[in-house]
Structure formats: C-alpha cells, structure tokens
C-alpha cells in the first residue's frame, strides 16, 4: 500500500519518467522501483531503450520540469544512459520532506506564478 507522500512522488516524478521512456526510448521493458526508508524515498525508473546519449538529443522540457519539481519537493533527480543500454532516472527525497510536501495542480500553479 502506498502512502500519500509516495503517491505524490509517483504522480509528480514517476509518471513523467515512464511517459518519457515510452515516447523516446524505443524500449521493450520499463522497470519501476519505489523504495521508502526512514531517511529517504527513492524512485528509480529504468528502461532498456536506446539511451539518452545515443539519441543525440539534449535534455528536453520533460526532464527540465522533473528537475524543477524534484528541487521544489526538496529532492534531487539524476538521469544517465546505462552501460548495458537504456536510461535510468533516479529521484531521491528526504522522507520527512516528502511526507510534509503538498504537490498538485494548485501548488504547482502557485510555484509557477511565484
């Protein structure tokens, strides 16, 4: 069972990561891991696609928005092409910060107008 803050992390970071993999990676497999510990929440999305560097593309709006959201939630995001192929997106949030942070259409809109 996912707690509210884990659902928030999934909806704000996991869904866009999976959507990016589906749209851009030409993958046949996506692996999603959400680990909740006493000190942090970690979301990892791996795919077996072409990888980011192999596409010759720079970070697009999807990754820029995910980076913005990660920082707004007090966390961090990293992305890399994996040596075995594909891409890994890894989001890390302090557990206490993730539990306290509200995220959604209302707060997202407020952050943009600030």
Protein backbone atom coordinates (compact mmCIF):
# COMPACT_ATOMS: atom_id res chain seq x y z
CA UNK A 1 0.00 0.00 0.00
CA UNK A 2 1.39 3.39 -0.98
CA UNK A 3 1.24 6.24 1.48
CA UNK A 4 0.09 9.68 0.41
CA UNK A 5 3.61 11.10 0.02
CA UNK A 6 4.69 8.07 -2.03
CA UNK A 7 1.68 8.58 -4.32
CA UNK A 8 2.65 12.24 -4.67
CA UNK A 9 6.19 11.27 -5.61
CA UNK A 10 4.89 8.75 -8.13
CA UNK A 11 2.47 11.18 -9.78
CA UNK A 12 4.89 14.10 -9.98
CA UNK A 13 8.05 12.17 -10.93
CA UNK A 14 7.27 8.56 -11.84
CA UNK A 15 4.53 9.15 -14.39
CA UNK A 16 6.60 11.67 -16.40
CA UNK A 17 9.64 9.34 -16.29
CA UNK A 18 7.59 6.44 -17.66
CA UNK A 19 5.97 8.68 -20.28
CA UNK A 20 9.42 9.85 -21.43
CA UNK A 21 10.60 6.25 -21.72
CA UNK A 22 7.54 5.27 -23.75
CA UNK A 23 7.81 8.28 -26.07
CA UNK A 24 11.54 8.49 -26.65
CA UNK A 25 13.47 5.35 -25.73
CA UNK A 26 12.11 2.71 -28.11
CA UNK A 27 12.27 0.34 -25.15
CA UNK A 28 10.64 -3.03 -24.75
CA UNK A 29 10.84 -3.05 -20.94
CA UNK A 30 10.46 -0.49 -18.14
CA UNK A 31 11.33 -1.26 -14.52
CA UNK A 32 9.91 0.89 -11.73
CA UNK A 33 11.16 0.72 -8.13
CA UNK A 34 9.90 2.82 -5.24
CA UNK A 35 11.80 2.37 -2.00
CA UNK A 36 10.67 4.05 1.18
CA UNK A 37 13.05 4.11 4.11
CA UNK A 38 13.26 6.02 7.35
CA UNK A 39 15.60 8.62 5.82
CA UNK A 40 14.60 8.80 2.17
CA UNK A 41 12.21 7.91 -0.61
CA UNK A 42 13.89 6.67 -3.78
CA UNK A 43 12.15 6.25 -7.12
CA UNK A 44 14.09 4.54 -9.91
CA UNK A 45 12.79 4.12 -13.45
CA UNK A 46 14.94 2.03 -15.82
CA UNK A 47 14.30 1.22 -19.45
CA UNK A 48 16.12 -0.96 -21.97
CA UNK A 49 15.85 1.52 -24.84
CA UNK A 50 18.42 3.41 -26.88
CA UNK A 51 19.67 5.57 -24.01
CA UNK A 52 19.79 9.33 -23.87
CA UNK A 53 23.24 9.97 -25.33
CA UNK A 54 22.63 7.68 -28.31
CA UNK A 55 19.69 9.82 -29.46
CA UNK A 56 21.81 12.93 -29.93
CA UNK A 57 19.23 14.98 -28.06
CA UNK A 58 19.65 17.41 -25.22
CA UNK A 59 17.51 17.36 -22.11
CA UNK A 60 14.02 18.39 -23.14
CA UNK A 61 11.20 20.07 -21.29
CA UNK A 62 10.14 16.81 -19.62
CA UNK A 63 13.47 16.43 -17.81
CA UNK A 64 13.64 20.16 -17.05
CA UNK A 65 10.20 20.08 -15.44
CA UNK A 66 11.08 16.94 -13.50
CA UNK A 67 14.26 18.63 -12.25
CA UNK A 68 12.24 21.68 -11.18
CA UNK A 69 9.70 19.51 -9.35
CA UNK A 70 12.42 17.49 -7.62
CA UNK A 71 14.06 20.64 -6.30
CA UNK A 72 10.68 22.13 -5.31
CA UNK A 73 9.99 18.97 -3.29
CA UNK A 74 13.39 19.18 -1.57
CA UNK A 75 14.87 16.29 -3.51
CA UNK A 76 17.14 15.56 -6.42
CA UNK A 77 16.96 13.79 -9.76
CA UNK A 78 19.68 12.14 -11.81
CA UNK A 79 19.49 10.61 -15.27
CA UNK A 80 22.03 8.55 -17.12
CA UNK A 81 22.46 6.19 -20.01
CA UNK A 82 23.25 2.81 -18.55
CA UNK A 83 26.31 0.84 -19.76
CA UNK A 84 24.06 -2.15 -20.51
CA UNK A 85 21.73 0.04 -22.60
CA UNK A 86 18.76 2.16 -21.75
CA UNK A 87 18.27 5.00 -19.36
CA UNK A 88 17.97 5.29 -15.58
CA UNK A 89 16.05 8.09 -13.86
CA UNK A 90 16.61 8.20 -10.10
CA UNK A 91 14.77 10.57 -7.76
CA UNK A 92 15.76 10.86 -4.10
CA UNK A 93 13.79 12.75 -1.46
CA UNK A 94 14.32 13.06 2.29
CA UNK A 95 11.47 11.06 3.85
CA UNK A 96 10.46 13.85 6.24
CA UNK A 97 10.37 16.42 3.41
CA UNK A 98 8.34 14.13 1.15
CA UNK A 99 5.83 13.50 3.93
CA UNK A 100 5.36 17.24 4.56
CA UNK A 101 5.26 18.48 0.97
CA UNK A 102 1.98 19.07 -0.79
CA UNK A 103 2.11 18.79 -4.57
CA UNK A 104 -0.63 19.01 -7.11
CA UNK A 105 -2.35 21.31 -9.58
CA UNK A 106 -2.93 24.08 -7.02
CA UNK A 107 0.60 24.15 -5.57
CA UNK A 108 2.19 23.62 -9.00
CA UNK A 109 0.35 26.68 -10.30
CA UNK A 110 1.37 28.73 -7.24
CA UNK A 111 5.03 27.80 -7.74
CA UNK A 112 4.96 28.93 -11.38
CA UNK A 113 3.47 32.31 -10.52
CA UNK A 114 5.94 33.00 -7.69
